[in-house]
């Protein structure tokens, strides 16, 4: 039976907060007054104003509780019902225009209960507006229901006075069994969610994260909903317990409930037709359009949901887009792309710059006895067309998964690899360095594309978009030993020799350094797939040398950036800047790369109480961002020294000149590979066959010679060469010219 409560109408608009939950000496309006501030003065209506209001079809339970500003025109209020304390800002003879809609300032055909109306508002045909504080020049048109309850939480995972713990909203990330749930809060960053989901066995840390969240909000009842200046909400059915920032645009939404919608003049947020958003937080500059469904979610700044996308129990990082498809129980780091209706992503932590192709099915509840599987993928994860992966699985940075149904769990530790399910030979095939050899155009272009799409107004957190960075380079370095071991084992097996692990690695190292032809040698890798079938490495020699070359290029490139910033006067000063380079482990905390040692400092500070809130955690992120480029340069030098087997003491001007020369050659290779990987699209006869001529093809897709990205890369190569020539000339002693004989 529906519970219908019958109460005398004179009580409508009053007793918003149960007296049992009011602090001593406070009335139901005390939080409202705090929220509204004290900058505006109100007066009571004059007798003639009340007469005009009544003549225009307006009613009030008590006209003494309708307060207005000095600039109030009663002729701009028509067919409205007022209940409780209503305060109205300036109403004068103006109209507001937004896009092609022009509406006269005023209140028309609306029921208004205990609200503050800002200056020059349009409230037109709002059937039910209750307990809201509106900013200035707000437009509300054709809204069925817009109300706030006294226990409103605006999407935050908190509990109000008198509520049971069971009503708390948790966001069940990374795992469908809720074992990695977090309490969402306004201002939560991707790194916060990552740390909270990772260290589940650390009870002290988990309790601290909970305390940090609860201390951001008080548990008092009675907060009003707010709508910021210049926000437009039109043709929308239901808004309940929704807080909206300034300059937002909401049109045609079906249901918005328990939300914080962050928005500003610099980063306006938009919600479009048919959307249903419940229990969530939208970041600055975010967008949701065309039938989107989102429940228990965080949409970080400048991210988008479009075209019927479903986002449930998930966190979508900054500058990301999800269209059409379904995403459940996932933590997605910034710059995630997913555009296809038939892609499905579930119970995963995807760590940035990812792209989900059509038909990709990443879903734990389809491939284990319980809905508790997980998948973790490093930056640049790209499952191809119609890929089906089995949880649990883990992937290194820039893993490309070829089309196919993968029958077992995978642990891919080699970055930049193409992973293929070879059904004909019943084996898994891994091609390391695939991106470098065959698709450098996409790899390099994506780095610039993600950076260009970073629309954050305040970039106080350094998000890494470069494919050569501490995480991917560390994985390449570890892969070098994997290559040596795998090649050594293959050669030992082929020769029938029994070798120790040290001897096996030495044998593989020797063969790879000599570029031994391994085409007829079956190189296998263990511990990659949870099955008994073979896992084969192909093109190992090419990958080995490309990894080494890229690491040297990374090292020289970062040293050049360091010199540009710090401008050392001598080579000795450059060496001093590097301190004592060491190959430290790094963590990806929400697409911000942080040395593992600094992450441990953060966690220790949280456990000990030295860091006592989320604001201090975020300050730690920002401090790490400030030092990141120097930390990265030191890491790059350490990585380069490692693969070249040199020490800081052995890093002299002559060695530097040699490394620079190698880096120039690698930059030339990258530029050439970018061109060649794109040129294949123009030379392929199957690409050409849909066009009647070369001219038609170039008209449709653009001429290769006009490709702006390729030209940009060639320009960068020229600049790179010029820069290194100047650096070498300034740091490396030149041969003295023979002195002229005295006259």
Foldseek 3Di string as FASTA:
>chain_A
DDDDDDDPPLCFQACLDPPVQDPPPDGLCPQVCVVQDDPADWDQDDPVLVVLLVVQQEEESDSRLEIEGPQDDSPQEHNEYEYGREYEYHADFDWDDDPHDIGTFHAENEYEHNEYHEHREAHYNADEHYQEYEYYHEYEEAEDYAYEHQQFDALWQEAAPPDDNVVGFWQQALFPVSLQIDTDDPPDALLLSVVSRPPSVPVLLVVLRVVQRDVVDDRRTNNGAYAEAPEYAYCEYEEYSHHYYYPEYEYQEDAHYSHYEDEDPLFYEYEEHQEHEYSEYEEGNEYEYDNEYEYNEYHYGNEYEYAHEYHYSEYAEALEYAYQDYEENYREFPCEYHHENQEYYYSEYEQENEYEEHQHYHAAVVADPDRTFGDYEHYQHYEYHNEYAYGPEYYAHNEYEDHDYDNFHFYHLAHQWYWYQDPVQREIEIEGVCCLQFPLQCLVVSLVVSVVSRSDPDPLFDFHSHSDFLRNLVSLVVVLQQQLQQQLVQVCVVVVHDDDSVVSSVVSVVCLVVVPDCPVTFGFGPDTTPDDHTYTYPPSSVNNVLSLLVLLLQQLVLLLVVCVVPVDQAVVVSLVLLPFQDSFDWDRSSSHIAGVVLVVVLSVCSSVVVQNHVVSVVVSSSVRRVCVSSNRNSNSNNSNCVSVVHGSVRDALVVSLVSLVSSLVVLVSSLVSSLVSVVCCVPDVVNVVVDPDSVRVCVVPNDSVPPPVSVVSVVVSVVSVVSVVVVSPSHPDDDDDDDDDDD
